[in-house]
Amino acid sequence: MMNNMKKLQEYIKKINKERGWDKTTVPELFMYLSEEVGESAKAARQLMNSRVDSKSEKWAGEWFDIDLEKAYWEKEEINKSRTWSKD
């Protein structure tokens, strides 16, 4: 019987190929990671009531007690409805 992490890795490998992400270069991966880190920093500023731009959405997340598996699958449900470019 496979553990949950192995199943998740297999699922991610499958969707990466389906969405055309299996051809992503290392520089592209770095840029995508940088974007995600920036979004995380923005959310942290909002939680700390730091200055944010007027167009920012309020982020309602948990501070340190985050269920990463639950968060991943919630985001994946959103991603399933998106159209992904394969070029």
PDB file of N, CA and C in Angstrom:
ATOM      1  N   MET A   1       0.837  -1.194   0.000  1.00  0.00           N
ATOM      2  CA  MET A   1       0.000   0.000   0.000  1.00  0.00           C
ATOM      3  C   MET A   1       0.883   1.259   0.000  1.00  0.00           C
ATOM      4  N   MET A   2       0.600   2.176  -0.913  1.00  0.00           N
ATOM      5  CA  MET A   2       1.391   3.393  -1.015  1.00  0.00           C
ATOM      6  C   MET A   2       0.962   4.396   0.044  1.00  0.00           C
ATOM      7  N   ASN A   3       1.923   5.171   0.518  1.00  0.00           N
ATOM      8  CA  ASN A   3       1.568   6.216   1.473  1.00  0.00           C
ATOM      9  C   ASN A   3       1.025   7.437   0.736  1.00  0.00           C
ATOM     10  N   ASN A   4       0.482   8.368   1.489  1.00  0.00           N
ATOM     11  CA  ASN A   4      -0.128   9.559   0.882  1.00  0.00           C
ATOM     12  C   ASN A   4       0.862  10.400   0.098  1.00  0.00           C
ATOM     13  N   MET A   5       2.107  10.512   0.594  1.00  0.00           N
ATOM     14  CA  MET A   5       3.106  11.329  -0.108  1.00  0.00           C
ATOM     15  C   MET A   5       3.415  10.735  -1.472  1.00  0.00           C
ATOM     16  N   LYS A   6       3.575   9.436  -1.558  1.00  0.00           N
ATOM     17  CA  LYS A   6       3.849   8.778  -2.835  1.00  0.00           C
ATOM     18  C   LYS A   6       2.691   9.000  -3.808  1.00  0.00           C
ATOM     19  N   LYS A   7       1.462   8.873  -3.315  1.00  0.00           N
ATOM     20  CA  LYS A   7       0.287   9.106  -4.159  1.00  0.00           C
ATOM     21  C   LYS A   7       0.263  10.549  -4.652  1.00  0.00           C
ATOM     22  N   LEU A   8       0.597  11.480  -3.767  1.00  0.00           N
ATOM     23  CA  LEU A   8       0.610  12.892  -4.152  1.00  0.00           C
ATOM     24  C   LEU A   8       1.678  13.148  -5.207  1.00  0.00           C
ATOM     25  N   GLN A   9       2.864  12.565  -5.041  1.00  0.00           N
ATOM     26  CA  GLN A   9       3.928  12.736  -6.029  1.00  0.00           C
ATOM     27  C   GLN A   9       3.503  12.197  -7.394  1.00  0.00           C
ATOM     28  N   GLU A  10       2.862  11.049  -7.409  1.00  0.00           N
ATOM     29  CA  GLU A  10       2.390  10.470  -8.676  1.00  0.00           C
ATOM     30  C   GLU A  10       1.316  11.346  -9.308  1.00  0.00           C
ATOM     31  N   TYR A  11       0.415  11.879  -8.494  1.00  0.00           N
ATOM     32  CA  TYR A  11      -0.637  12.753  -9.000  1.00  0.00           C
ATOM     33  C   TYR A  11      -0.028  14.023  -9.610  1.00  0.00           C
ATOM     34  N   ILE A  12       0.922  14.625  -8.909  1.00  0.00           N
ATOM     35  CA  ILE A  12       1.553  15.850  -9.394  1.00  0.00           C
ATOM     36  C   ILE A  12       2.294  15.585 -10.700  1.00  0.00           C
ATOM     37  N   LYS A  13       2.991  14.457 -10.785  1.00  0.00           N
ATOM     38  CA  LYS A  13       3.692  14.109 -12.026  1.00  0.00           C
ATOM     39  C   LYS A  13       2.692  13.998 -13.180  1.00  0.00           C
ATOM     40  N   LYS A  14       1.546  13.390 -12.928  1.00  0.00           N
ATOM     41  CA  LYS A  14       0.504  13.211 -13.948  1.00  0.00           C
ATOM     42  C   LYS A  14      -0.053  14.562 -14.407  1.00  0.00           C
ATOM     43  N   ILE A  15      -0.406  15.430 -13.455  1.00  0.00           N
ATOM     44  CA  ILE A  15      -1.004  16.715 -13.861  1.00  0.00           C
ATOM     45  C   ILE A  15       0.031  17.633 -14.496  1.00  0.00           C
ATOM     46  N   ASN A  16       1.297  17.522 -14.077  1.00  0.00           N
ATOM     47  CA  ASN A  16       2.342  18.318 -14.732  1.00  0.00           C
ATOM     48  C   ASN A  16       2.405  17.994 -16.211  1.00  0.00           C
ATOM     49  N   LYS A  17       2.324  16.721 -16.550  1.00  0.00           N
ATOM     50  CA  LYS A  17       2.352  16.310 -17.961  1.00  0.00           C
ATOM     51  C   LYS A  17       1.083  16.770 -18.675  1.00  0.00           C
ATOM     52  N   GLU A  18      -0.089  16.572 -18.049  1.00  0.00           N
ATOM     53  CA  GLU A  18      -1.363  16.975 -18.657  1.00  0.00           C
ATOM     54  C   GLU A  18      -1.406  18.474 -18.937  1.00  0.00           C
ATOM     55  N   ARG A  19      -0.853  19.266 -18.038  1.00  0.00           N
ATOM     56  CA  ARG A  19      -0.904  20.724 -18.162  1.00  0.00           C
ATOM     57  C   ARG A  19       0.288  21.307 -18.908  1.00  0.00           C
ATOM     58  N   GLY A  20       1.178  20.445 -19.371  1.00  0.00           N
ATOM     59  CA  GLY A  20       2.316  20.915 -20.142  1.00  0.00           C
ATOM     60  C   GLY A  20       3.446  21.478 -19.313  1.00  0.00           C
ATOM     61  N   TRP A  21       3.440  21.238 -18.022  1.00  0.00           N
ATOM     62  CA  TRP A  21       4.463  21.787 -17.144  1.00  0.00           C
ATOM     63  C   TRP A  21       5.712  20.928 -17.090  1.00  0.00           C
ATOM     64  N   ASP A  22       5.676  19.741 -17.665  1.00  0.00           N
ATOM     65  CA  ASP A  22       6.834  18.847 -17.608  1.00  0.00           C
ATOM     66  C   ASP A  22       7.995  19.357 -18.459  1.00  0.00           C
ATOM     67  N   LYS A  23       7.766  20.355 -19.267  1.00  0.00           N
ATOM     68  CA  LYS A  23       8.814  20.940 -20.110  1.00  0.00           C
ATOM     69  C   LYS A  23       9.345  22.259 -19.533  1.00  0.00           C
ATOM     70  N   THR A  24       8.928  22.598 -18.316  1.00  0.00           N
ATOM     71  CA  THR A  24       9.329  23.852 -17.691  1.00  0.00           C
ATOM     72  C   THR A  24      10.823  23.830 -17.386  1.00  0.00           C
ATOM     73  N   THR A  25      11.493  24.916 -17.724  1.00  0.00           N
ATOM     74  CA  THR A  25      12.939  25.010 -17.487  1.00  0.00           C
ATOM     75  C   THR A  25      13.224  25.419 -16.040  1.00  0.00           C
ATOM     76  N   VAL A  26      14.462  25.213 -15.615  1.00  0.00           N
ATOM     77  CA  VAL A  26      14.860  25.604 -14.258  1.00  0.00           C
ATOM     78  C   VAL A  26      14.690  27.116 -14.033  1.00  0.00           C
ATOM     79  N   PRO A  27      15.108  27.975 -14.977  1.00  0.00           N
ATOM     80  CA  PRO A  27      14.869  29.413 -14.767  1.00  0.00           C
ATOM     81  C   PRO A  27      13.370  29.742 -14.633  1.00  0.00           C
ATOM     82  N   GLU A  28      12.538  29.076 -15.422  1.00  0.00           N
ATOM     83  CA  GLU A  28      11.091  29.309 -15.310  1.00  0.00           C
ATOM     84  C   GLU A  28      10.585  28.863 -13.939  1.00  0.00           C
ATOM     85  N   LEU A  29      11.034  27.704 -13.481  1.00  0.00           N
ATOM     86  CA  LEU A  29      10.637  27.223 -12.152  1.00  0.00           C
ATOM     87  C   LEU A  29      11.029  28.220 -11.074  1.00  0.00           C
ATOM     88  N   PHE A  30      12.228  28.771 -11.185  1.00  0.00           N
ATOM     89  CA  PHE A  30      12.685  29.768 -10.223  1.00  0.00           C
ATOM     90  C   PHE A  30      11.781  30.997 -10.218  1.00  0.00           C
ATOM     91  N   MET A  31      11.383  31.450 -11.408  1.00  0.00           N
ATOM     92  CA  MET A  31      10.503  32.620 -11.495  1.00  0.00           C
ATOM     93  C   MET A  31       9.130  32.312 -10.897  1.00  0.00           C
ATOM     94  N   TYR A  32       8.595  31.127 -11.178  1.00  0.00           N
ATOM     95  CA  TYR A  32       7.295  30.742 -10.604  1.00  0.00           C
ATOM     96  C   TYR A  32       7.376  30.686  -9.083  1.00  0.00           C
ATOM     97  N   LEU A  33       8.459  30.097  -8.567  1.00  0.00           N
ATOM     98  CA  LEU A  33       8.645  30.027  -7.120  1.00  0.00           C
ATOM     99  C   LEU A  33       8.720  31.427  -6.525  1.00  0.00           C
ATOM    100  N   SER A  34       9.442  32.313  -7.200  1.00  0.00           N
ATOM    101  CA  SER A  34       9.567  33.687  -6.721  1.00  0.00           C
ATOM    102  C   SER A  34       8.202  34.372  -6.645  1.00  0.00           C
ATOM    103  N   GLU A  35       7.347  34.141  -7.635  1.00  0.00           N
ATOM    104  CA  GLU A  35       6.003  34.713  -7.615  1.00  0.00           C
ATOM    105  C   GLU A  35       5.218  34.207  -6.409  1.00  0.00           C
ATOM    106  N   GLU A  36       5.311  32.900  -6.143  1.00  0.00           N
ATOM    107  CA  GLU A  36       4.579  32.317  -5.022  1.00  0.00           C
ATOM    108  C   GLU A  36       5.084  32.849  -3.684  1.00  0.00           C
ATOM    109  N   VAL A  37       6.406  33.004  -3.568  1.00  0.00           N
ATOM    110  CA  VAL A  37       6.981  33.555  -2.341  1.00  0.00           C
ATOM    111  C   VAL A  37       6.496  34.993  -2.149  1.00  0.00           C
ATOM    112  N   GLY A  38       6.431  35.757  -3.232  1.00  0.00           N
ATOM    113  CA  GLY A  38       5.923  37.123  -3.153  1.00  0.00           C
ATOM    114  C   GLY A  38       4.472  37.173  -2.683  1.00  0.00           C
ATOM    115  N   GLU A  39       3.652  36.260  -3.190  1.00  0.00           N
ATOM    116  CA  GLU A  39       2.254  36.203  -2.756  1.00  0.00           C
ATOM    117  C   GLU A  39       2.165  35.838  -1.275  1.00  0.00           C
ATOM    118  N   SER A  40       3.034  34.939  -0.825  1.00  0.00           N
ATOM    119  CA  SER A  40       3.058  34.560   0.593  1.00  0.00           C
ATOM    120  C   SER A  40       3.473  35.743   1.460  1.00  0.00           C
ATOM    121  N   ALA A  41       4.461  36.510   1.003  1.00  0.00           N
ATOM    122  CA  ALA A  41       4.909  37.686   1.747  1.00  0.00           C
ATOM    123  C   ALA A  41       3.783  38.714   1.848  1.00  0.00           C
ATOM    124  N   LYS A  42       3.056  38.902   0.771  1.00  0.00           N
ATOM    125  CA  LYS A  42       1.936  39.848   0.776  1.00  0.00           C
ATOM    126  C   LYS A  42       0.865  39.412   1.774  1.00  0.00           C
ATOM    127  N   ALA A  43       0.572  38.113   1.785  1.00  0.00           N
ATOM    128  CA  ALA A  43      -0.418  37.593   2.733  1.00  0.00           C
ATOM    129  C   ALA A  43       0.063  37.794   4.168  1.00  0.00           C
ATOM    130  N   ALA A  44       1.343  37.572   4.418  1.00  0.00           N
ATOM    131  CA  ALA A  44       1.890  37.756   5.765  1.00  0.00           C
ATOM    132  C   ALA A  44       1.788  39.214   6.202  1.00  0.00           C
ATOM    133  N   ARG A  45       2.066  40.136   5.283  1.00  0.00           N
ATOM    134  CA  ARG A  45       1.928  41.564   5.609  1.00  0.00           C
ATOM    135  C   ARG A  45       0.497  41.886   5.992  1.00  0.00           C
ATOM    136  N   GLN A  46      -0.456  41.313   5.270  1.00  0.00           N
ATOM    137  CA  GLN A  46      -1.853  41.580   5.566  1.00  0.00           C
ATOM    138  C   GLN A  46      -2.218  41.050   6.949  1.00  0.00           C
ATOM    139  N   LEU A  47      -1.720  39.872   7.287  1.00  0.00           N
ATOM    140  CA  LEU A  47      -1.988  39.312   8.605  1.00  0.00           C
ATOM    141  C   LEU A  47      -1.399  40.168   9.722  1.00  0.00           C
ATOM    142  N   MET A  48      -0.269  40.776   9.437  1.00  0.00           N
ATOM    143  CA  MET A  48       0.408  41.606  10.429  1.00  0.00           C
ATOM    144  C   MET A  48      -0.126  43.041  10.417  1.00  0.00           C
ATOM    145  N   ASN A  49      -1.148  43.279   9.592  1.00  0.00           N
ATOM    146  CA  ASN A  49      -1.705  44.627   9.427  1.00  0.00           C
ATOM    147  C   ASN A  49      -0.654  45.620   8.947  1.00  0.00           C
ATOM    148  N   SER A  50       0.291  45.129   8.173  1.00  0.00           N
ATOM    149  CA  SER A  50       1.290  46.010   7.570  1.00  0.00           C
ATOM    150  C   SER A  50       0.667  46.711   6.372  1.00  0.00           C
ATOM    151  N   ARG A  51       1.350  47.697   5.887  1.00  0.00           N
ATOM    152  CA  ARG A  51       0.850  48.468   4.756  1.00  0.00           C
ATOM    153  C   ARG A  51       0.743  47.580   3.517  1.00  0.00           C
ATOM    154  N   VAL A  52      -0.420  47.628   2.846  1.00  0.00           N
ATOM    155  CA  VAL A  52      -0.640  46.897   1.597  1.00  0.00           C
ATOM    156  C   VAL A  52      -1.293  47.843   0.608  1.00  0.00           C
ATOM    157  N   ASP A  53      -1.192  47.535  -0.667  1.00  0.00           N
ATOM    158  CA  ASP A  53      -1.816  48.409  -1.651  1.00  0.00           C
ATOM    159  C   ASP A  53      -3.338  48.291  -1.559  1.00  0.00           C
ATOM    160  N   SER A  54      -4.036  49.304  -2.035  1.00  0.00           N
ATOM    161  CA  SER A  54      -5.484  49.386  -1.871  1.00  0.00           C
ATOM    162  C   SER A  54      -6.243  48.329  -2.664  1.00  0.00           C
ATOM    163  N   LYS A  55      -5.597  47.690  -3.632  1.00  0.00           N
ATOM    164  CA  LYS A  55      -6.287  46.698  -4.449  1.00  0.00           C
ATOM    165  C   LYS A  55      -6.115  45.276  -3.911  1.00  0.00           C
ATOM    166  N   SER A  56      -5.357  45.128  -2.828  1.00  0.00           N
ATOM    167  CA  SER A  56      -5.110  43.798  -2.281  1.00  0.00           C
ATOM    168  C   SER A  56      -6.378  43.221  -1.680  1.00  0.00           C
ATOM    169  N   GLU A  57      -6.540  41.907  -1.892  1.00  0.00           N
ATOM    170  CA  GLU A  57      -7.648  41.214  -1.243  1.00  0.00           C
ATOM    171  C   GLU A  57      -7.209  40.827   0.156  1.00  0.00           C
ATOM    172  N   LYS A  58      -8.151  40.782   1.070  1.00  0.00           N
ATOM    173  CA  LYS A  58      -7.831  40.318   2.415  1.00  0.00           C
ATOM    174  C   LYS A  58      -7.646  38.819   2.375  1.00  0.00           C
ATOM    175  N   TRP A  59      -6.605  38.353   3.023  1.00  0.00           N
ATOM    176  CA  TRP A  59      -6.307  36.921   3.053  1.00  0.00           C
ATOM    177  C   TRP A  59      -6.749  36.371   4.388  1.00  0.00           C
ATOM    178  N   ALA A  60      -7.621  35.361   4.361  1.00  0.00           N
ATOM    179  CA  ALA A  60      -8.127  34.770   5.600  1.00  0.00           C
ATOM    180  C   ALA A  60      -7.535  33.384   5.749  1.00  0.00           C
ATOM    181  N   GLY A  61      -6.332  33.307   6.223  1.00  0.00           N
ATOM    182  CA  GLY A  61      -5.667  32.029   6.413  1.00  0.00           C
ATOM    183  C   GLY A  61      -5.283  31.838   7.856  1.00  0.00           C
ATOM    184  N   GLU A  62      -4.787  30.698   8.139  1.00  0.00           N
ATOM    185  CA  GLU A  62      -4.295  30.424   9.487  1.00  0.00           C
ATOM    186  C   GLU A  62      -2.838  30.842   9.546  1.00  0.00           C
ATOM    187  N   TRP A  63      -2.373  31.255  10.697  1.00  0.00           N
ATOM    188  CA  TRP A  63      -1.020  31.776  10.816  1.00  0.00           C
ATOM    189  C   TRP A  63       0.030  30.683  10.727  1.00  0.00           C
ATOM    190  N   PHE A  64       0.090  29.795  11.687  1.00  0.00           N
ATOM    191  CA  PHE A  64       1.092  28.728  11.654  1.00  0.00           C
ATOM    192  C   PHE A  64       0.483  27.346  11.566  1.00  0.00           C
ATOM    193  N   ASP A  65      -0.761  27.194  11.898  1.00  0.00           N
ATOM    194  CA  ASP A  65      -1.398  25.888  11.941  1.00  0.00           C
ATOM    195  C   ASP A  65      -2.073  25.606  10.604  1.00  0.00           C
ATOM    196  N   ILE A  66      -1.254  25.382   9.578  1.00  0.00           N
ATOM    197  CA  ILE A  66      -1.768  25.185   8.225  1.00  0.00           C
ATOM    198  C   ILE A  66      -1.701  23.709   7.862  1.00  0.00           C
ATOM    199  N   ASP A  67      -2.810  23.175   7.414  1.00  0.00           N
ATOM    200  CA  ASP A  67      -2.863  21.794   6.930  1.00  0.00           C
ATOM    201  C   ASP A  67      -2.469  21.841   5.457  1.00  0.00           C
ATOM    202  N   LEU A  68      -1.201  21.527   5.170  1.00  0.00           N
ATOM    203  CA  LEU A  68      -0.692  21.672   3.802  1.00  0.00           C
ATOM    204  C   LEU A  68      -1.406  20.758   2.814  1.00  0.00           C
ATOM    205  N   GLU A  69      -1.738  19.563   3.245  1.00  0.00           N
ATOM    206  CA  GLU A  69      -2.428  18.648   2.336  1.00  0.00           C
ATOM    207  C   GLU A  69      -3.808  19.201   1.974  1.00  0.00           C
ATOM    208  N   LYS A  70      -4.521  19.674   2.976  1.00  0.00           N
ATOM    209  CA  LYS A  70      -5.849  20.261   2.729  1.00  0.00           C
ATOM    210  C   LYS A  70      -5.725  21.493   1.825  1.00  0.00           C
ATOM    211  N   ALA A  71      -4.736  22.340   2.095  1.00  0.00           N
ATOM    212  CA  ALA A  71      -4.536  23.549   1.285  1.00  0.00           C
ATOM    213  C   ALA A  71      -4.212  23.187  -0.156  1.00  0.00           C
ATOM    214  N   TYR A  72      -3.381  22.153  -0.338  1.00  0.00           N
ATOM    215  CA  TYR A  72      -3.032  21.732  -1.697  1.00  0.00           C
ATOM    216  C   TYR A  72      -4.276  21.301  -2.462  1.00  0.00           C
ATOM    217  N   TRP A  73      -5.092  20.435  -1.858  1.00  0.00           N
ATOM    218  CA  TRP A  73      -6.256  19.905  -2.568  1.00  0.00           C
ATOM    219  C   TRP A  73      -7.306  20.977  -2.814  1.00  0.00           C
ATOM    220  N   GLU A  74      -7.444  21.936  -1.912  1.00  0.00           N
ATOM    221  CA  GLU A  74      -8.369  23.051  -2.145  1.00  0.00           C
ATOM    222  C   GLU A  74      -7.909  23.871  -3.354  1.00  0.00           C
ATOM    223  N   LYS A  75      -6.617  24.149  -3.419  1.00  0.00           N
ATOM    224  CA  LYS A  75      -6.079  24.909  -4.559  1.00  0.00           C
ATOM    225  C   LYS A  75      -6.184  24.092  -5.840  1.00  0.00           C
ATOM    226  N   GLU A  76      -5.976  22.789  -5.755  1.00  0.00           N
ATOM    227  CA  GLU A  76      -6.079  21.941  -6.941  1.00  0.00           C
ATOM    228  C   GLU A  76      -7.500  21.953  -7.501  1.00  0.00           C
ATOM    229  N   GLU A  77      -8.512  22.006  -6.657  1.00  0.00           N
ATOM    230  CA  GLU A  77      -9.898  22.100  -7.131  1.00  0.00           C
ATOM    231  C   GLU A  77     -10.089  23.369  -7.957  1.00  0.00           C
ATOM    232  N   ILE A  78      -9.486  24.459  -7.525  1.00  0.00           N
ATOM    233  CA  ILE A  78      -9.546  25.712  -8.293  1.00  0.00           C
ATOM    234  C   ILE A  78      -8.798  25.533  -9.613  1.00  0.00           C
ATOM    235  N   ASN A  79      -7.605  24.934  -9.548  1.00  0.00           N
ATOM    236  CA  ASN A  79      -6.791  24.754 -10.743  1.00  0.00           C
ATOM    237  C   ASN A  79      -7.452  23.863 -11.787  1.00  0.00           C
ATOM    238  N   LYS A  80      -8.244  22.901 -11.363  1.00  0.00           N
ATOM    239  CA  LYS A  80      -8.905  21.990 -12.308  1.00  0.00           C
ATOM    240  C   LYS A  80      -9.825  22.727 -13.273  1.00  0.00           C
ATOM    241  N   SER A  81     -10.361  23.856 -12.850  1.00  0.00           N
ATOM    242  CA  SER A  81     -11.298  24.597 -13.699  1.00  0.00           C
ATOM    243  C   SER A  81     -10.586  25.602 -14.615  1.00  0.00           C
ATOM    244  N   ARG A  82      -9.268  25.750 -14.440  1.00  0.00           N
ATOM    245  CA  ARG A  82      -8.507  26.683 -15.268  1.00  0.00           C
ATOM    246  C   ARG A  82      -8.094  26.046 -16.577  1.00  0.00           C
ATOM    247  N   THR A  83      -7.827  26.878 -17.563  1.00  0.00           N
ATOM    248  CA  THR A  83      -7.297  26.418 -18.848  1.00  0.00           C
ATOM    249  C   THR A  83      -5.802  26.692 -18.830  1.00  0.00           C
ATOM    250  N   TRP A  84      -5.019  25.646 -19.088  1.00  0.00           N
ATOM    251  CA  TRP A  84      -3.567  25.770 -19.020  1.00  0.00           C
ATOM    252  C   TRP A  84      -2.982  25.753 -20.427  1.00  0.00           C
ATOM    253  N   SER A  85      -2.137  26.732 -20.700  1.00  0.00           N
ATOM    254  CA  SER A  85      -1.425  26.801 -21.970  1.00  0.00           C
ATOM    255  C   SER A  85      -0.280  25.805 -21.951  1.00  0.00           C
ATOM    256  N   LYS A  86      -0.115  25.048 -23.035  1.00  0.00           N
ATOM    257  CA  LYS A  86       0.940  24.048 -23.095  1.00  0.00           C
ATOM    258  C   LYS A  86       2.127  24.508 -23.927  1.00  0.00           C
ATOM    259  N   ASP A  87       2.225  25.800 -24.190  1.00  0.00           N
ATOM    260  CA  ASP A  87       3.361  26.289 -24.987  1.00  0.00           C
ATOM    261  C   ASP A  87       4.359  27.017 -24.154  1.00  0.00           C
TER     262      ASP A  87
END
